[in-house]
Amino acid sequence: MSKYLIFTQPNCIFCDKVKAFLTKHGDEYEEIEVKDVEDFKARGYTTVPQVFHYVGGYEDLKELFIDEGEEDE
């Protein structure tokens, strides 16, 4: 099971589709509703939904790369 962070807005069809897709596949997500659109755009995001995959800390990141075939350093 993976965990995702999703930035959404109300009445967003694609936001609803993303949430339904993740739910259907048994993945957890945290939803953050964008309230300050100008601040959101200033950070470089232009559309919703924005979906981010949660990795965790250093050990989690290292494990992810090892699972993908990289050697542990």
C-alpha atoms as a PDB file:
ATOM      1  CA  MET A   1       0.000   0.000   0.000  1.00  0.00           C
ATOM      2  CA  SER A   2       1.313   3.417  -0.942  1.00  0.00           C
ATOM      3  CA  LYS A   3       0.533   6.788   0.520  1.00  0.00           C
ATOM      4  CA  TYR A   4      -0.088   9.922  -1.508  1.00  0.00           C
ATOM      5  CA  LEU A   5      -0.527  13.621  -0.860  1.00  0.00           C
ATOM      6  CA  ILE A   6      -3.128  15.270  -3.108  1.00  0.00           C
ATOM      7  CA  PHE A   7      -3.773  18.986  -3.533  1.00  0.00           C
ATOM      8  CA  THR A   8      -7.372  19.537  -4.658  1.00  0.00           C
ATOM      9  CA  GLN A   9     -10.108  22.122  -5.075  1.00  0.00           C
ATOM     10  CA  PRO A  10     -13.884  21.791  -4.715  1.00  0.00           C
ATOM     11  CA  ASN A  11     -15.901  20.837  -7.812  1.00  0.00           C
ATOM     12  CA  CYS A  12     -12.829  19.401  -9.545  1.00  0.00           C
ATOM     13  CA  ILE A  13     -13.759  16.365 -11.618  1.00  0.00           C
ATOM     14  CA  PHE A  14     -10.162  15.173 -11.986  1.00  0.00           C
ATOM     15  CA  CYS A  15      -9.594  15.539  -8.241  1.00  0.00           C
ATOM     16  CA  ASP A  16     -12.567  13.245  -7.671  1.00  0.00           C
ATOM     17  CA  LYS A  17     -11.195  10.790 -10.233  1.00  0.00           C
ATOM     18  CA  VAL A  18      -7.789  10.668  -8.540  1.00  0.00           C
ATOM     19  CA  LYS A  19      -9.352  10.009  -5.132  1.00  0.00           C
ATOM     20  CA  ALA A  20     -11.620   7.297  -6.538  1.00  0.00           C
ATOM     21  CA  PHE A  21      -8.711   5.666  -8.380  1.00  0.00           C
ATOM     22  CA  LEU A  22      -6.517   5.540  -5.275  1.00  0.00           C
ATOM     23  CA  THR A  23      -9.373   4.282  -3.123  1.00  0.00           C
ATOM     24  CA  LYS A  24     -10.168   1.556  -5.664  1.00  0.00           C
ATOM     25  CA  HIS A  25      -6.543   0.422  -5.564  1.00  0.00           C
ATOM     26  CA  GLY A  26      -6.404   0.424  -1.767  1.00  0.00           C
ATOM     27  CA  ASP A  27      -3.928   3.281  -1.503  1.00  0.00           C
ATOM     28  CA  GLU A  28      -4.027   5.848   1.283  1.00  0.00           C
ATOM     29  CA  TYR A  29      -3.985   9.553   0.605  1.00  0.00           C
ATOM     30  CA  GLU A  30      -4.029  12.823   2.447  1.00  0.00           C
ATOM     31  CA  GLU A  31      -6.043  15.559   0.776  1.00  0.00           C
ATOM     32  CA  ILE A  32      -5.195  19.236   1.087  1.00  0.00           C
ATOM     33  CA  GLU A  33      -7.757  21.632  -0.323  1.00  0.00           C
ATOM     34  CA  VAL A  34      -6.140  24.607  -2.049  1.00  0.00           C
ATOM     35  CA  LYS A  35      -7.657  27.771  -0.623  1.00  0.00           C
ATOM     36  CA  ASP A  36      -5.067  30.361  -1.658  1.00  0.00           C
ATOM     37  CA  VAL A  37      -4.802  29.873  -5.411  1.00  0.00           C
ATOM     38  CA  GLU A  38      -2.284  32.703  -5.858  1.00  0.00           C
ATOM     39  CA  ASP A  39       0.088  31.175  -3.296  1.00  0.00           C
ATOM     40  CA  PHE A  40      -0.370  27.783  -4.950  1.00  0.00           C
ATOM     41  CA  LYS A  41       0.554  29.236  -8.350  1.00  0.00           C
ATOM     42  CA  ALA A  42       3.510  31.136  -6.864  1.00  0.00           C
ATOM     43  CA  ARG A  43       4.922  27.766  -5.797  1.00  0.00           C
ATOM     44  CA  GLY A  44       4.902  26.647  -9.429  1.00  0.00           C
ATOM     45  CA  TYR A  45       1.708  24.599  -9.507  1.00  0.00           C
ATOM     46  CA  THR A  46      -0.830  25.588 -12.135  1.00  0.00           C
ATOM     47  CA  THR A  47      -3.473  22.890 -11.990  1.00  0.00           C
ATOM     48  CA  VAL A  48      -5.201  20.545  -9.586  1.00  0.00           C
ATOM     49  CA  PRO A  49      -5.020  17.815  -8.695  1.00  0.00           C
ATOM     50  CA  GLN A  50      -1.345  17.698  -7.800  1.00  0.00           C
ATOM     51  CA  VAL A  51      -0.404  14.209  -6.611  1.00  0.00           C
ATOM     52  CA  PHE A  52       2.745  13.410  -4.660  1.00  0.00           C
ATOM     53  CA  HIS A  53       3.943   9.966  -3.609  1.00  0.00           C
ATOM     54  CA  TYR A  54       5.030   9.751   0.027  1.00  0.00           C
ATOM     55  CA  VAL A  55       8.363   8.017   0.516  1.00  0.00           C
ATOM     56  CA  GLY A  56       9.300   8.705   4.134  1.00  0.00           C
ATOM     57  CA  GLY A  57      12.738   9.330   5.610  1.00  0.00           C
ATOM     58  CA  TYR A  58      16.266   8.450   4.562  1.00  0.00           C
ATOM     59  CA  GLU A  59      15.975   4.733   5.311  1.00  0.00           C
ATOM     60  CA  ASP A  60      12.700   4.527   3.345  1.00  0.00           C
ATOM     61  CA  LEU A  61      14.269   6.334   0.389  1.00  0.00           C
ATOM     62  CA  LYS A  62      17.342   4.108   0.492  1.00  0.00           C
ATOM     63  CA  GLU A  63      15.142   0.992   0.575  1.00  0.00           C
ATOM     64  CA  LEU A  64      13.189   2.262  -2.421  1.00  0.00           C
ATOM     65  CA  PHE A  65      16.372   2.619  -4.472  1.00  0.00           C
ATOM     66  CA  ILE A  66      17.707  -0.765  -3.356  1.00  0.00           C
ATOM     67  CA  ASP A  67      14.384  -2.334  -4.394  1.00  0.00           C
ATOM     68  CA  GLU A  68      14.927  -0.776  -7.824  1.00  0.00           C
ATOM     69  CA  GLY A  69      18.275  -2.531  -8.182  1.00  0.00           C
ATOM     70  CA  GLU A  70      20.780   0.034  -6.920  1.00  0.00           C
ATOM     71  CA  GLU A  71      23.538  -1.046  -4.586  1.00  0.00           C
ATOM     72  CA  ASP A  72      23.544   0.110  -0.970  1.00  0.00           C
ATOM     73  CA  GLU A  73      26.375   2.528  -0.259  1.00  0.00           C
END
